[in-house]
C-alpha atoms as a PDB file:
ATOM      1  CA  MET A   1     -13.611 -21.208  47.358  1.00  0.00           C
ATOM      2  CA  ASP A   2     -14.403 -19.093  44.314  1.00  0.00           C
ATOM      3  CA  PHE A   3     -11.726 -16.643  43.213  1.00  0.00           C
ATOM      4  CA  GLY A   4     -13.907 -15.014  40.581  1.00  0.00           C
ATOM      5  CA  TYR A   5     -12.433 -16.863  37.597  1.00  0.00           C
ATOM      6  CA  VAL A   6     -14.827 -16.976  34.711  1.00  0.00           C
ATOM      7  CA  ASP A   7     -14.207 -19.231  31.726  1.00  0.00           C
ATOM      8  CA  PRO A   8     -14.378 -16.945  28.683  1.00  0.00           C
ATOM      9  CA  ASP A   9     -17.026 -17.830  26.154  1.00  0.00           C
ATOM     10  CA  PRO A  10     -15.791 -16.888  22.646  1.00  0.00           C
ATOM     11  CA  ASP A  11     -19.258 -15.797  21.608  1.00  0.00           C
ATOM     12  CA  PHE A  12     -19.274 -13.096  24.276  1.00  0.00           C
ATOM     13  CA  LEU A  13     -15.878 -11.560  23.464  1.00  0.00           C
ATOM     14  CA  PRO A  14     -15.955  -7.850  22.749  1.00  0.00           C
ATOM     15  CA  GLY A  15     -16.634  -6.971  19.128  1.00  0.00           C
ATOM     16  CA  GLY A  16     -17.742 -10.479  18.208  1.00  0.00           C
ATOM     17  CA  MET A  17     -14.180 -11.870  18.054  1.00  0.00           C
ATOM     18  CA  GLY A  18     -15.278 -15.406  18.826  1.00  0.00           C
ATOM     19  CA  GLY A  19     -15.391 -16.435  15.143  1.00  0.00           C
ATOM     20  CA  VAL A  20     -11.838 -15.210  14.522  1.00  0.00           C
ATOM     21  CA  PHE A  21     -10.353 -17.683  16.979  1.00  0.00           C
ATOM     22  CA  GLU A  22     -12.243 -20.528  15.387  1.00  0.00           C
ATOM     23  CA  ALA A  23     -10.984 -19.520  11.912  1.00  0.00           C
ATOM     24  CA  ILE A  24      -7.268 -19.454  12.837  1.00  0.00           C
ATOM     25  CA  PRO A  25      -6.649 -23.093  11.792  1.00  0.00           C
ATOM     26  CA  VAL A  26      -8.337 -22.409   8.445  1.00  0.00           C
ATOM     27  CA  PHE A  27      -6.141 -19.334   7.887  1.00  0.00           C
ATOM     28  CA  MET A  28      -3.050 -21.349   8.802  1.00  0.00           C
ATOM     29  CA  VAL A  29      -3.921 -24.045   6.259  1.00  0.00           C
ATOM     30  CA  ILE A  30      -4.549 -21.411   3.557  1.00  0.00           C
ATOM     31  CA  PHE A  31      -1.251 -19.704   4.422  1.00  0.00           C
ATOM     32  CA  ALA A  32       0.620 -23.024   4.243  1.00  0.00           C
ATOM     33  CA  ILE A  33      -0.881 -23.832   0.840  1.00  0.00           C
ATOM     34  CA  VAL A  34      -0.027 -20.380  -0.549  1.00  0.00           C
ATOM     35  CA  PHE A  35       3.491 -20.532   0.929  1.00  0.00           C
ATOM     36  CA  ILE A  36       4.165 -23.971  -0.570  1.00  0.00           C
ATOM     37  CA  GLY A  37       2.829 -22.742  -3.917  1.00  0.00           C
ATOM     38  CA  ILE A  38       5.156 -19.729  -3.895  1.00  0.00           C
ATOM     39  CA  VAL A  39       8.170 -21.867  -2.964  1.00  0.00           C
ATOM     40  CA  ALA A  40       7.314 -24.340  -5.744  1.00  0.00           C
ATOM     41  CA  PHE A  41       7.002 -21.477  -8.248  1.00  0.00           C
ATOM     42  CA  VAL A  42      10.383 -20.014  -7.236  1.00  0.00           C
ATOM     43  CA  ILE A  43      12.022 -23.434  -7.622  1.00  0.00           C
ATOM     44  CA  PHE A  44      10.347 -23.902 -11.027  1.00  0.00           C
ATOM     45  CA  VAL A  45      11.591 -20.500 -12.269  1.00  0.00           C
ATOM     46  CA  TRP A  46      15.105 -21.152 -10.962  1.00  0.00           C
ATOM     47  CA  ILE A  47      15.274 -24.519 -12.758  1.00  0.00           C
ATOM     48  CA  ARG A  48      14.071 -22.936 -16.031  1.00  0.00           C
ATOM     49  CA  ASN A  49      16.676 -20.181 -15.758  1.00  0.00           C
ATOM     50  CA  TYR A  50      19.369 -22.741 -14.960  1.00  0.00           C
ATOM     51  CA  LYS A  51      18.502 -24.835 -18.020  1.00  0.00           C
ATOM     52  CA  ALA A  52      18.317 -21.779 -20.299  1.00  0.00           C
ATOM     53  CA  SER A  53      21.707 -20.577 -19.058  1.00  0.00           C
ATOM     54  CA  LYS A  54      23.301 -23.978 -19.576  1.00  0.00           C
ATOM     55  CA  ASN A  55      21.825 -24.229 -23.091  1.00  0.00           C
ATOM     56  CA  ALA A  56      23.290 -20.799 -23.863  1.00  0.00           C
ATOM     57  CA  GLY A  57      26.697 -21.985 -22.672  1.00  0.00           C
ATOM     58  CA  MET A  58      26.775 -19.835 -19.533  1.00  0.00           C
ATOM     59  CA  ASP A  59      27.320 -20.708 -15.913  1.00  0.00           C
ATOM     60  CA  ILE A  60      24.291 -19.783 -13.784  1.00  0.00           C
ATOM     61  CA  PHE A  61      26.490 -18.754 -10.868  1.00  0.00           C
ATOM     62  CA  THR A  62      28.618 -16.332 -12.921  1.00  0.00           C
ATOM     63  CA  LEU A  63      25.876 -15.188 -15.297  1.00  0.00           C
ATOM     64  CA  GLU A  64      25.978 -11.499 -14.362  1.00  0.00           C
ATOM     65  CA  THR A  65      29.747 -11.371 -14.702  1.00  0.00           C
ATOM     66  CA  ASP A  66      29.636 -13.210 -18.049  1.00  0.00           C
ATOM     67  CA  LEU A  67      27.037 -10.823 -19.427  1.00  0.00           C
ATOM     68  CA  ALA A  68      28.878  -7.745 -18.133  1.00  0.00           C
ATOM     69  CA  THR A  69      32.119  -8.970 -19.706  1.00  0.00           C
ATOM     70  CA  ARG A  70      30.438  -9.656 -23.040  1.00  0.00           C
ATOM     71  CA  ALA A  71      28.796  -6.232 -22.998  1.00  0.00           C
ATOM     72  CA  ALA A  72      32.075  -4.505 -22.140  1.00  0.00           C
ATOM     73  CA  ASN A  73      33.850  -6.277 -25.003  1.00  0.00           C
ATOM     74  CA  SER A  74      31.074  -5.664 -27.526  1.00  0.00           C
ATOM     75  CA  GLN A  75      31.064  -3.114 -30.294  1.00  0.00           C
ATOM     76  CA  MET A  76      28.398  -1.146 -28.456  1.00  0.00           C
ATOM     77  CA  PHE A  77      30.893   0.146 -25.904  1.00  0.00           C
ATOM     78  CA  ALA A  78      33.905   0.246 -28.211  1.00  0.00           C
ATOM     79  CA  PRO A  79      35.170   3.670 -29.174  1.00  0.00           C
ATOM     80  CA  ARG A  80      33.915   4.832 -32.553  1.00  0.00           C
ATOM     81  CA  GLN A  81      36.377   4.583 -35.385  1.00  0.00           C
ATOM     82  CA  THR A  82      37.114   7.621 -37.506  1.00  0.00           C
ATOM     83  CA  ARG A  83      36.660   7.463 -41.272  1.00  0.00           C
ATOM     84  CA  GLU A  84      40.395   7.223 -41.696  1.00  0.00           C
ATOM     85  CA  GLN A  85      40.563   4.213 -39.369  1.00  0.00           C
ATOM     86  CA  LYS A  86      37.683   2.500 -41.169  1.00  0.00           C
ATOM     87  CA  LEU A  87      39.276   3.142 -44.574  1.00  0.00           C
ATOM     88  CA  ALA A  88      42.659   1.882 -43.322  1.00  0.00           C
ATOM     89  CA  GLU A  89      41.015  -1.292 -42.013  1.00  0.00           C
ATOM     90  CA  LEU A  90      39.200  -1.726 -45.324  1.00  0.00           C
ATOM     91  CA  GLU A  91      42.456  -1.320 -47.285  1.00  0.00           C
ATOM     92  CA  GLY A  92      44.079  -3.915 -45.005  1.00  0.00           C
ATOM     93  CA  LEU A  93      41.277  -6.376 -45.782  1.00  0.00           C
ATOM     94  CA  LEU A  94      41.746  -5.783 -49.497  1.00  0.00           C
ATOM     95  CA  ALA A  95      45.524  -6.147 -49.261  1.00  0.00           C
ATOM     96  CA  ARG A  96      45.202  -9.477 -47.418  1.00  0.00           C
ATOM     97  CA  GLY A  97      42.683 -10.726 -49.982  1.00  0.00           C
ATOM     98  CA  VAL A  98      39.840 -11.054 -47.486  1.00  0.00           C
ATOM     99  CA  ILE A  99      37.523  -8.961 -49.679  1.00  0.00           C
ATOM    100  CA  THR A 100      37.322  -8.414 -53.425  1.00  0.00           C
ATOM    101  CA  ARG A 101      37.860  -5.131 -55.255  1.00  0.00           C
ATOM    102  CA  ASP A 102      34.076  -4.765 -55.782  1.00  0.00           C
ATOM    103  CA  GLU A 103      33.399  -5.305 -52.074  1.00  0.00           C
ATOM    104  CA  TYR A 104      36.113  -2.802 -51.258  1.00  0.00           C
ATOM    105  CA  THR A 105      34.565  -0.207 -53.580  1.00  0.00           C
ATOM    106  CA  GLN A 106      31.067  -0.687 -52.135  1.00  0.00           C
ATOM    107  CA  ALA A 107      32.280  -0.563 -48.546  1.00  0.00           C
ATOM    108  CA  ARG A 108      34.444   2.501 -49.234  1.00  0.00           C
ATOM    109  CA  LEU A 109      31.493   4.306 -50.795  1.00  0.00           C
ATOM    110  CA  LYS A 110      29.341   3.440 -47.774  1.00  0.00           C
ATOM    111  CA  ILE A 111      31.995   4.717 -45.339  1.00  0.00           C
ATOM    112  CA  LEU A 112      32.358   7.979 -47.237  1.00  0.00           C
ATOM    113  CA  THR A 113      28.596   8.580 -47.435  1.00  0.00           C
ATOM    114  CA  ASP A 114      27.839   7.838 -43.757  1.00  0.00           C
END
């Protein structure tokens, strides 16, 4: 008995799709190679960042927090001192003997001219 089943021939598929089905294994191999390459690159970059962070004395897992804390405590975000505050600090350095009289005079002149 024949139920009308016809074995499809890939060369007679509409639009010439027969070659696409034959190329699927090739595309899968190319995809696998590219995927493995990307994964290897990501691992390579992560290892480099880890080593650079360790050499800089930072923990890779708390890096963002460490950098944010350092930035918050830096002079960049500190409130600006007035001239009076700078001069008072300079006089304190002179009184404690941290700077000489010449250094005091130069620094005072710089503060007053800025």
